[in-house]
């Protein structure tokens, strides 16, 4: 995959993730525990929704970190090579996940 295409894919995904994080910011807010206003099952449901939102947010932040690392590798000329074994990562794998840092062989270990 050429550098310009990789950069475009990475930056587009980064913008998408930032927009998603901003749009769902309030989903992980603390749940109100006032029993006089909210029933027990509603609170349990709200706690579950909050936990799922927090996990989704954590995953999005992790993906943003991987994208930032890929952009650095791209700038340094190391993009497209496995960080473990230094073998070239196939273009198909990079097209599926442009932020990937390891080849299939290393990933399966």
N, C-alpha and C. Protein backbone atom coordinates (compact mmCIF):
# COMPACT_ATOMS: atom_id res chain seq x y z
N UNK A 1 0.86 -1.17 0.00
CA UNK A 1 0.00 0.00 0.00
C UNK A 1 0.91 1.23 0.00
N UNK A 2 0.58 2.18 -0.84
CA UNK A 2 1.43 3.37 -0.89
C UNK A 2 1.17 4.26 0.33
N UNK A 3 2.16 5.07 0.64
CA UNK A 3 2.12 5.89 1.85
C UNK A 3 0.95 6.87 1.88
N UNK A 4 0.65 7.47 0.74
CA UNK A 4 -0.44 8.46 0.70
C UNK A 4 -1.79 7.81 0.99
N UNK A 5 -2.02 6.62 0.42
CA UNK A 5 -3.28 5.91 0.67
C UNK A 5 -3.38 5.52 2.14
N UNK A 6 -2.27 5.03 2.70
CA UNK A 6 -2.25 4.64 4.12
C UNK A 6 -2.53 5.85 5.00
N UNK A 7 -1.87 6.97 4.71
CA UNK A 7 -2.07 8.18 5.51
C UNK A 7 -3.54 8.63 5.45
N UNK A 8 -4.12 8.59 4.25
CA UNK A 8 -5.52 8.98 4.09
C UNK A 8 -6.45 8.08 4.89
N UNK A 9 -6.24 6.76 4.80
CA UNK A 9 -7.07 5.81 5.56
C UNK A 9 -6.93 6.04 7.06
N UNK A 10 -5.71 6.24 7.51
CA UNK A 10 -5.47 6.44 8.95
C UNK A 10 -6.10 7.74 9.45
N UNK A 11 -5.91 8.82 8.70
CA UNK A 11 -6.46 10.10 9.13
C UNK A 11 -7.99 10.12 9.08
N UNK A 12 -8.57 9.46 8.08
CA UNK A 12 -10.03 9.37 8.00
C UNK A 12 -10.59 8.59 9.19
N UNK A 13 -9.95 7.48 9.52
CA UNK A 13 -10.41 6.67 10.66
C UNK A 13 -10.23 7.44 11.97
N UNK A 14 -9.15 8.19 12.07
CA UNK A 14 -8.90 8.99 13.27
C UNK A 14 -10.01 10.02 13.46
N UNK A 15 -10.38 10.72 12.40
CA UNK A 15 -11.45 11.71 12.47
C UNK A 15 -12.78 11.05 12.83
N UNK A 16 -13.03 9.89 12.26
CA UNK A 16 -14.26 9.14 12.56
C UNK A 16 -14.32 8.76 14.03
N UNK A 17 -13.22 8.28 14.57
CA UNK A 17 -13.18 7.89 15.99
C UNK A 17 -13.36 9.09 16.90
N UNK A 18 -12.74 10.20 16.57
CA UNK A 18 -12.87 11.41 17.38
C UNK A 18 -14.33 11.88 17.39
N UNK A 19 -14.97 11.84 16.22
CA UNK A 19 -16.38 12.23 16.13
C UNK A 19 -17.25 11.30 16.96
N UNK A 20 -16.97 10.00 16.91
CA UNK A 20 -17.75 9.03 17.69
C UNK A 20 -17.55 9.26 19.19
N UNK A 21 -16.32 9.53 19.60
CA UNK A 21 -16.05 9.79 21.02
C UNK A 21 -16.79 11.03 21.50
N UNK A 22 -16.79 12.06 20.67
CA UNK A 22 -17.49 13.29 21.06
C UNK A 22 -19.00 13.08 21.11
N UNK A 23 -19.53 12.30 20.18
CA UNK A 23 -20.98 12.08 20.11
C UNK A 23 -21.49 11.22 21.26
N UNK A 24 -20.65 10.35 21.78
CA UNK A 24 -21.09 9.43 22.84
C UNK A 24 -20.48 9.77 24.19
N UNK A 25 -19.99 10.97 24.33
CA UNK A 25 -19.31 11.40 25.55
C UNK A 25 -20.18 11.22 26.80
N UNK A 26 -21.45 11.54 26.71
CA UNK A 26 -22.32 11.50 27.89
C UNK A 26 -22.78 10.08 28.23
N UNK A 27 -22.57 9.11 27.35
CA UNK A 27 -23.03 7.74 27.61
C UNK A 27 -22.33 7.10 28.81
N UNK A 28 -21.12 7.54 29.12
CA UNK A 28 -20.40 6.93 30.23
C UNK A 28 -20.47 7.78 31.50
N UNK A 29 -21.38 8.75 31.53
CA UNK A 29 -21.59 9.56 32.74
C UNK A 29 -22.06 8.68 33.89
N UNK A 30 -21.81 9.08 35.13
CA UNK A 30 -22.27 8.30 36.28
C UNK A 30 -23.80 8.12 36.27
N UNK A 31 -24.22 6.96 36.75
CA UNK A 31 -25.65 6.63 36.81
C UNK A 31 -26.23 7.17 38.10
N UNK A 32 -27.39 7.77 37.99
CA UNK A 32 -28.08 8.31 39.17
C UNK A 32 -28.63 7.14 39.99
N UNK A 33 -28.35 7.16 41.30
CA UNK A 33 -28.76 6.06 42.16
C UNK A 33 -29.93 6.41 43.07
N UNK A 34 -30.64 7.46 42.80
CA UNK A 34 -31.78 7.89 43.60
C UNK A 34 -32.95 6.94 43.34
N UNK A 35 -33.27 6.10 44.35
CA UNK A 35 -34.32 5.10 44.19
C UNK A 35 -35.72 5.70 44.08
N UNK A 36 -35.90 6.89 44.57
CA UNK A 36 -37.23 7.49 44.51
C UNK A 36 -37.55 7.97 43.08
N UNK A 37 -36.53 8.16 42.26
CA UNK A 37 -36.74 8.66 40.89
C UNK A 37 -36.61 7.57 39.85
N UNK A 38 -35.75 6.58 40.11
CA UNK A 38 -35.48 5.55 39.12
C UNK A 38 -35.62 4.19 39.79
N UNK A 39 -36.32 3.28 39.14
CA UNK A 39 -36.50 1.94 39.68
C UNK A 39 -35.22 1.13 39.64
N UNK A 40 -35.22 0.02 40.40
CA UNK A 40 -34.03 -0.83 40.52
C UNK A 40 -33.62 -1.41 39.16
N UNK A 41 -34.58 -1.91 38.40
CA UNK A 41 -34.25 -2.50 37.11
C UNK A 41 -33.75 -1.44 36.12
N UNK A 42 -34.33 -0.26 36.19
CA UNK A 42 -33.86 0.82 35.32
C UNK A 42 -32.43 1.21 35.65
N UNK A 43 -32.10 1.22 36.95
CA UNK A 43 -30.73 1.54 37.36
C UNK A 43 -29.77 0.45 36.89
N UNK A 44 -30.20 -0.81 37.04
CA UNK A 44 -29.34 -1.91 36.59
C UNK A 44 -29.11 -1.83 35.08
N UNK A 45 -30.15 -1.52 34.36
CA UNK A 45 -30.04 -1.36 32.91
C UNK A 45 -29.11 -0.19 32.58
N UNK A 46 -29.26 0.91 33.29
CA UNK A 46 -28.42 2.09 33.07
C UNK A 46 -26.95 1.78 33.39
N UNK A 47 -26.71 1.01 34.44
CA UNK A 47 -25.35 0.63 34.80
C UNK A 47 -24.72 -0.25 33.71
N UNK A 48 -25.52 -1.15 33.15
CA UNK A 48 -25.03 -2.00 32.07
C UNK A 48 -24.70 -1.16 30.83
N UNK A 49 -25.57 -0.25 30.48
CA UNK A 49 -25.33 0.63 29.34
C UNK A 49 -24.07 1.47 29.58
N UNK A 50 -23.91 1.96 30.81
CA UNK A 50 -22.73 2.75 31.15
C UNK A 50 -21.46 1.91 31.00
N UNK A 51 -21.47 0.68 31.49
CA UNK A 51 -20.30 -0.18 31.40
C UNK A 51 -19.94 -0.48 29.94
N UNK A 52 -20.94 -0.72 29.13
CA UNK A 52 -20.69 -0.98 27.71
C UNK A 52 -20.13 0.27 27.03
N UNK A 53 -20.64 1.43 27.38
CA UNK A 53 -20.16 2.68 26.81
C UNK A 53 -18.70 2.94 27.21
N UNK A 54 -18.37 2.64 28.46
CA UNK A 54 -17.00 2.83 28.92
C UNK A 54 -16.04 1.89 28.19
N UNK A 55 -16.46 0.65 27.97
CA UNK A 55 -15.61 -0.30 27.25
C UNK A 55 -15.44 0.12 25.79
N UNK A 56 -16.50 0.59 25.17
CA UNK A 56 -16.42 1.08 23.79
C UNK A 56 -15.48 2.27 23.71
N UNK A 57 -15.57 3.16 24.67
CA UNK A 57 -14.69 4.34 24.71
C UNK A 57 -13.23 3.91 24.87
N UNK A 58 -12.99 2.92 25.73
CA UNK A 58 -11.63 2.42 25.94
C UNK A 58 -11.07 1.84 24.64
N UNK A 59 -11.90 1.07 23.93
CA UNK A 59 -11.45 0.48 22.67
C UNK A 59 -11.16 1.54 21.61
N UNK A 60 -11.98 2.57 21.58
CA UNK A 60 -11.76 3.65 20.61
C UNK A 60 -10.46 4.40 20.93
N UNK A 61 -10.19 4.62 22.21
CA UNK A 61 -8.94 5.28 22.59
C UNK A 61 -7.73 4.41 22.22
N UNK A 62 -7.87 3.08 22.41
CA UNK A 62 -6.79 2.17 22.02
C UNK A 62 -6.55 2.23 20.52
N UNK A 63 -7.63 2.26 19.74
CA UNK A 63 -7.48 2.34 18.29
C UNK A 63 -6.83 3.67 17.89
N UNK A 64 -7.21 4.75 18.57
CA UNK A 64 -6.56 6.04 18.29
C UNK A 64 -5.07 5.97 18.56
N UNK A 65 -4.68 5.30 19.62
CA UNK A 65 -3.26 5.14 19.95
C UNK A 65 -2.54 4.34 18.86
N UNK A 66 -3.18 3.26 18.37
CA UNK A 66 -2.60 2.46 17.30
C UNK A 66 -2.46 3.29 16.02
N UNK A 67 -3.45 4.14 15.74
CA UNK A 67 -3.39 4.99 14.56
C UNK A 67 -2.24 5.98 14.68
N UNK A 68 -2.10 6.60 15.85
CA UNK A 68 -1.00 7.54 16.07
C UNK A 68 0.36 6.85 15.88
N UNK A 69 0.48 5.63 16.39
CA UNK A 69 1.73 4.88 16.24
C UNK A 69 1.98 4.56 14.76
N UNK A 70 0.92 4.22 14.03
CA UNK A 70 1.07 3.93 12.60
C UNK A 70 1.48 5.17 11.83
N UNK A 71 0.93 6.33 12.20
CA UNK A 71 1.32 7.58 11.54
C UNK A 71 2.79 7.90 11.80
N UNK A 72 3.26 7.60 13.00
CA UNK A 72 4.68 7.80 13.31
C UNK A 72 5.54 6.86 12.48
N UNK A 73 5.14 5.58 12.39
CA UNK A 73 5.89 4.61 11.58
C UNK A 73 5.91 5.07 10.12
N UNK A 74 4.80 5.61 9.66
CA UNK A 74 4.70 6.10 8.29
C UNK A 74 5.69 7.24 8.06
N UNK A 75 5.75 8.16 9.02
CA UNK A 75 6.66 9.31 8.92
C UNK A 75 8.12 8.87 8.95
N UNK A 76 8.42 7.83 9.75
CA UNK A 76 9.79 7.36 9.89
C UNK A 76 10.21 6.37 8.80
N UNK A 77 9.24 5.96 7.95
CA UNK A 77 9.56 5.03 6.87
C UNK A 77 9.49 3.56 7.27
N UNK A 78 8.95 3.27 8.45
CA UNK A 78 8.85 1.89 8.93
C UNK A 78 7.46 1.29 8.72
N UNK A 79 6.55 2.07 8.15
CA UNK A 79 5.18 1.59 7.99
C UNK A 79 5.14 0.43 7.00
N UNK A 80 4.34 -0.57 7.33
CA UNK A 80 4.17 -1.72 6.45
C UNK A 80 5.10 -2.87 6.79
N UNK A 81 5.91 -2.70 7.82
CA UNK A 81 6.82 -3.75 8.26
C UNK A 81 6.47 -4.14 9.69
N UNK A 82 6.51 -5.43 9.96
CA UNK A 82 6.18 -5.97 11.27
C UNK A 82 7.16 -5.44 12.32
N UNK A 83 6.63 -4.96 13.45
CA UNK A 83 7.50 -4.45 14.51
C UNK A 83 8.18 -5.58 15.29
N UNK A 84 7.70 -6.84 15.12
CA UNK A 84 8.31 -7.97 15.82
C UNK A 84 9.41 -8.63 15.00
N UNK A 85 9.09 -8.97 13.74
CA UNK A 85 10.05 -9.73 12.93
C UNK A 85 10.62 -8.94 11.77
N UNK A 86 10.13 -7.73 11.55
CA UNK A 86 10.60 -6.83 10.49
C UNK A 86 10.28 -7.33 9.08
N UNK A 87 9.37 -8.30 8.97
CA UNK A 87 8.91 -8.76 7.65
C UNK A 87 7.85 -7.80 7.13
N UNK A 88 7.70 -7.76 5.83
CA UNK A 88 6.69 -6.88 5.23
C UNK A 88 5.29 -7.41 5.52
N UNK A 89 4.39 -6.52 5.91
CA UNK A 89 2.99 -6.88 6.17
C UNK A 89 2.25 -6.82 4.83
N UNK A 90 1.51 -7.87 4.48
CA UNK A 90 0.79 -7.89 3.19
C UNK A 90 -0.19 -6.71 3.08
N UNK A 91 -0.32 -6.19 1.86
CA UNK A 91 -1.21 -5.06 1.60
C UNK A 91 -2.65 -5.36 2.00
N UNK A 92 -3.10 -6.59 1.79
CA UNK A 92 -4.49 -6.95 2.15
C UNK A 92 -4.72 -6.75 3.64
N UNK A 93 -3.74 -7.11 4.45
CA UNK A 93 -3.86 -6.94 5.91
C UNK A 93 -3.89 -5.46 6.26
N UNK A 94 -3.05 -4.68 5.60
CA UNK A 94 -3.01 -3.24 5.87
C UNK A 94 -4.28 -2.55 5.40
N UNK A 95 -4.89 -3.04 4.33
CA UNK A 95 -6.14 -2.46 3.85
C UNK A 95 -7.27 -2.73 4.84
N UNK A 96 -7.26 -3.92 5.45
CA UNK A 96 -8.28 -4.26 6.46
C UNK A 96 -8.10 -3.44 7.73
N UNK A 97 -6.85 -3.29 8.16
CA UNK A 97 -6.54 -2.52 9.36
C UNK A 97 -5.24 -1.77 9.14
N UNK A 98 -5.34 -0.53 8.65
CA UNK A 98 -4.13 0.23 8.35
C UNK A 98 -3.26 0.52 9.57
N UNK A 99 -3.79 0.36 10.77
CA UNK A 99 -3.01 0.64 11.97
C UNK A 99 -2.29 -0.59 12.51
N UNK A 100 -2.42 -1.71 11.84
CA UNK A 100 -1.79 -2.93 12.33
C UNK A 100 -0.27 -2.79 12.34
N UNK A 101 0.35 -3.34 13.35
CA UNK A 101 1.80 -3.19 13.51
C UNK A 101 2.53 -4.53 13.36
N UNK A 102 1.77 -5.63 13.27
CA UNK A 102 2.42 -6.93 13.18
C UNK A 102 1.84 -7.77 12.05
N UNK A 103 2.65 -8.68 11.55
CA UNK A 103 2.23 -9.56 10.46
C UNK A 103 1.35 -10.69 11.02
N UNK A 104 0.76 -11.45 10.14
CA UNK A 104 -0.14 -12.53 10.54
C UNK A 104 0.61 -13.58 11.36
N UNK A 105 1.84 -13.90 10.95
CA UNK A 105 2.63 -14.90 11.66
C UNK A 105 2.88 -14.52 13.11
N UNK A 106 3.27 -13.28 13.32
CA UNK A 106 3.52 -12.81 14.70
C UNK A 106 2.24 -12.67 15.49
N UNK A 107 1.16 -12.29 14.82
CA UNK A 107 -0.13 -12.12 15.50
C UNK A 107 -0.68 -13.46 15.98
N UNK A 108 -0.34 -14.55 15.26
CA UNK A 108 -0.89 -15.86 15.64
C UNK A 108 -0.06 -16.54 16.72
N UNK A 109 1.08 -15.96 17.06
CA UNK A 109 1.92 -16.57 18.12
C UNK A 109 1.36 -16.33 19.48
